Protein backbone atom coordinates (compact mmCIF):
# COMPACT_ATOMS: atom_id res chain seq x y z
CA MET A 1 0.00 0.00 0.00
CA SER A 2 1.40 3.40 -0.93
CA THR A 3 1.31 6.38 1.36
CA PRO A 4 0.37 9.77 -0.01
CA ASN A 5 3.17 12.25 -0.43
CA PRO A 6 2.41 15.27 1.82
CA GLU A 7 4.28 17.59 -0.58
CA THR A 8 2.07 16.71 -3.53
CA LYS A 9 -0.71 19.17 -4.10
CA PRO A 10 -4.06 17.61 -5.01
CA ALA A 11 -4.98 18.22 -8.62
CA THR A 12 -8.16 20.18 -9.05
CA SER A 13 -10.65 18.95 -11.60
CA PHE A 14 -11.13 21.11 -14.66
CA GLN A 15 -13.84 20.27 -17.18
CA ILE A 16 -14.38 21.81 -20.58
CA PRO A 17 -17.20 24.32 -19.96
CA VAL A 18 -19.66 23.06 -22.57
CA ALA A 19 -22.65 25.17 -21.49
CA ARG A 20 -20.51 28.29 -21.27
CA ASN A 21 -19.09 27.72 -24.75
CA ILE A 22 -22.56 27.18 -26.20
CA ALA A 23 -23.67 30.44 -24.55
CA GLU A 24 -20.63 32.23 -25.98
CA PHE A 25 -21.43 30.98 -29.50
CA GLY A 26 -24.99 32.23 -28.95
CA LEU A 27 -23.76 35.66 -27.87
CA ILE A 28 -21.43 35.94 -30.86
CA ILE A 29 -24.29 35.13 -33.24
CA ALA A 30 -26.71 37.40 -31.35
CA TRP A 31 -24.28 40.36 -31.53
CA TRP A 32 -23.87 39.87 -35.28
CA LEU A 33 -27.61 39.58 -35.88
CA CYS A 34 -28.39 42.65 -33.71
CA VAL A 35 -25.87 44.85 -35.51
CA LEU A 36 -27.00 43.46 -38.86
CA TRP A 37 -30.60 44.33 -37.99
CA LEU A 38 -29.62 47.78 -36.70
CA VAL A 39 -27.72 48.59 -39.90
CA SER A 40 -30.68 47.42 -42.01
CA GLN A 41 -32.93 49.98 -40.30
CA PHE A 42 -31.16 52.94 -41.92
CA GLU A 43 -31.19 54.06 -45.52
CA THR A 44 -27.60 55.31 -45.28
CA VAL A 45 -25.19 54.17 -42.66
CA GLY A 46 -22.52 56.52 -41.43
CA LEU A 47 -19.29 56.15 -39.58
CA TRP A 48 -21.18 55.24 -36.38
CA ALA A 49 -21.89 51.73 -37.69
CA SER A 50 -18.24 51.07 -38.53
CA LEU A 51 -17.19 52.38 -35.12
CA LEU A 52 -19.76 50.08 -33.51
CA VAL A 53 -18.17 47.12 -35.29
CA ILE A 54 -14.65 48.17 -34.21
CA ILE A 55 -15.70 48.65 -30.58
CA GLY A 56 -17.50 45.31 -30.59
CA CYS A 57 -14.45 43.68 -32.16
CA TRP A 58 -12.12 45.10 -29.51
CA VAL A 59 -14.44 44.14 -26.63
CA LYS A 60 -14.61 40.58 -27.96
CA THR A 61 -10.83 40.54 -28.42
CA VAL A 62 -10.23 41.52 -24.79
CA PHE A 63 -12.75 38.88 -23.71
CA PHE A 64 -11.14 36.15 -25.83
CA GLY A 65 -7.65 37.10 -24.67
CA THR A 66 -8.52 37.05 -20.98
CA GLU A 67 -10.61 33.90 -21.33
CA ASN A 68 -7.76 32.10 -23.07
CA LEU A 69 -5.30 33.15 -20.36
CA LYS A 70 -7.68 32.02 -17.62
CA GLN A 71 -8.33 28.70 -19.31
CA LEU A 72 -4.60 28.19 -19.86
CA TYR A 73 -3.89 28.78 -16.19
CA ASP A 74 -6.83 26.65 -14.98
CA SER A 75 -5.92 23.84 -17.37
CA ALA A 76 -2.30 23.83 -16.27
CA ARG A 77 -3.17 23.93 -12.56
CA SER A 78 -5.67 21.09 -12.86
CA ASP A 79 -3.25 18.84 -14.72
CA LEU A 80 -5.56 18.71 -17.75
CA SER A 81 -4.19 16.42 -20.43
CA HIS A 82 -2.59 18.06 -23.45
CA HIS A 83 -5.17 16.70 -25.92
CA ARG A 84 -8.08 18.04 -23.82
CA PHE A 85 -6.37 21.41 -23.60
CA LEU A 86 -5.99 21.45 -27.39
CA LEU A 87 -9.69 20.63 -27.74
CA LEU A 88 -10.54 23.54 -25.43
CA MET A 89 -8.34 25.91 -27.43
CA ALA A 90 -9.80 24.63 -30.72
CA ILE A 91 -13.28 25.54 -29.47
CA ASN A 92 -12.01 29.00 -28.51
CA MET A 93 -10.32 29.43 -31.90
CA ILE A 94 -13.53 28.50 -33.74
CA GLN A 95 -15.34 31.13 -31.67
CA MET A 96 -12.73 33.75 -32.58
CA ILE A 97 -12.74 32.85 -36.28
CA LEU A 98 -16.53 32.96 -36.41
CA SER A 99 -16.62 36.25 -34.50
CA PHE A 100 -14.20 37.96 -36.89
CA ALA A 101 -15.97 36.48 -39.93
CA PHE A 102 -19.16 38.13 -38.67
CA ASP A 103 -17.31 41.42 -38.10
CA PHE A 104 -15.96 41.33 -41.66
CA HIS A 105 -19.45 40.55 -42.93
CA LEU A 106 -20.87 43.50 -41.01
CA LEU A 107 -18.25 45.82 -42.51
CA TYR A 108 -19.09 44.50 -45.98
CA THR A 109 -22.80 45.06 -45.30
CA ILE A 110 -22.06 48.64 -44.21
CA ASP A 111 -19.76 49.36 -47.17
CA ARG A 112 -19.53 46.93 -50.12
CA HIS A 113 -16.12 48.41 -50.98
CA SER A 114 -14.56 47.42 -47.63
CA PHE A 115 -12.99 44.31 -49.16
CA LEU A 116 -11.44 43.59 -52.53
CA GLY A 117 -12.10 40.07 -53.80
CA VAL A 118 -15.73 39.80 -52.69
CA ALA A 119 -18.15 40.56 -55.46
CA SER A 120 -20.39 43.51 -54.62
CA GLU A 121 -23.34 41.46 -55.85
CA ALA A 122 -22.37 38.37 -53.80
CA SER A 123 -25.30 36.72 -52.07
CA PHE A 124 -25.61 36.78 -48.29
CA GLY A 125 -24.39 33.18 -47.96
CA VAL A 126 -21.50 33.54 -50.40
CA ALA A 127 -20.26 36.71 -48.72
CA LEU A 128 -20.54 35.09 -45.28
CA PHE A 129 -18.55 32.07 -46.48
CA ASP A 130 -15.91 34.36 -48.03
CA PHE A 131 -15.43 36.11 -44.70
CA PHE A 132 -15.26 32.83 -42.78
CA TYR A 133 -12.58 31.80 -45.29
CA LEU A 134 -10.69 35.08 -44.77
CA SER A 135 -10.92 34.79 -41.00
CA THR A 136 -9.66 31.20 -41.06
CA LEU A 137 -6.70 32.18 -43.25
CA ASN A 138 -5.89 35.09 -40.92
CA PHE A 139 -6.01 32.88 -37.84
CA SER A 140 -3.91 30.13 -39.39
CA PHE A 141 -1.17 32.54 -40.53
CA PHE A 142 -1.55 31.24 -44.06
CA GLY A 143 -0.46 34.65 -45.27
CA TYR A 144 -2.33 34.69 -48.54
CA SER A 145 -5.86 35.58 -49.43
CA GLU A 146 -7.56 36.87 -52.51
CA ILE A 147 -9.82 38.87 -50.18
CA LEU A 148 -8.12 42.07 -49.05
CA PRO A 149 -9.34 44.80 -46.68
CA GLN A 150 -9.60 48.14 -48.48
CA THR A 151 -10.86 50.62 -45.89
CA ILE A 152 -9.12 51.74 -42.72
CA VAL A 153 -11.88 50.18 -40.61
CA ALA A 154 -11.57 46.82 -42.40
CA LYS A 155 -7.79 46.94 -42.00
CA ILE A 156 -8.12 47.66 -38.26
CA VAL A 157 -10.43 44.68 -37.73
CA ASN A 158 -8.20 42.46 -39.89
CA LEU A 159 -5.09 43.53 -37.97
CA THR A 160 -6.87 42.96 -34.65
CA GLU A 161 -7.61 39.36 -35.65
CA ILE A 162 -4.02 38.75 -36.74
CA VAL A 163 -2.64 40.10 -33.45
CA LEU A 164 -5.12 38.03 -31.40
CA ALA A 165 -4.26 34.91 -33.44
CA PHE A 166 -0.55 35.52 -32.88
CA ILE A 167 -1.00 35.94 -29.13
CA THR A 168 -3.26 32.89 -28.93
CA VAL A 169 -1.14 30.54 -30.99
CA ILE A 170 2.38 31.65 -30.16
CA PHE A 171 2.10 32.62 -26.52
CA LEU A 172 -0.80 30.60 -25.15
CA LEU A 173 -0.56 27.29 -26.95
CA SER A 174 3.22 27.12 -26.87
CA ASP A 175 3.36 28.01 -23.17
CA PHE A 176 0.93 25.33 -21.94
CA VAL A 177 3.59 22.68 -21.31
CA SER A 178 6.08 25.08 -19.70
CA LEU A 179 3.39 26.63 -17.48
CA LYS A 180 2.24 23.18 -16.46
CA GLU A 181 5.79 22.24 -15.47
CA SER A 182 6.39 25.45 -13.54
CA LEU A 183 3.15 25.01 -11.58
CA ARG A 184 4.18 21.48 -10.62
CA LYS A 185 7.45 22.79 -9.22
CA SER A 186 5.86 25.55 -7.16
């Protein structure tokens, strides 16, 4: 019979927050639909709509960044397996990609000239797919896309996604193992 080591800290249990992630997907979709509806209520849309998209984008970026850091720390402290951690981060990345795709779509709805490479007569579904494609390429650091932001606002949102992707992939995912090891030692 083995005796417990008094110096070993008990591992806390960390589960992937399924209900929370479903709620977050719902909020991302709800935000997009609300802004889409709001923009559709005006004959001409001014700078206020673009600023609303930028502010929403930045609020979501701060949320995603802090949530990823919290989940990284909680996962490392609870001794979560590496493959479960990667699943958790994949869910977060899908949320971020979807969120930015919706932001790009909103900017396109506000100003059809916001992006080069998306036909101005593109249907709702085609345009939405194009922006999901762009967002996925941005997040994966593919570095090439035939869809290019043309306005300052579109470039700001695009740059925000690239910076968030860099922080998420380079700092958070690569630091999981080292953080886990350092927490075991302390």
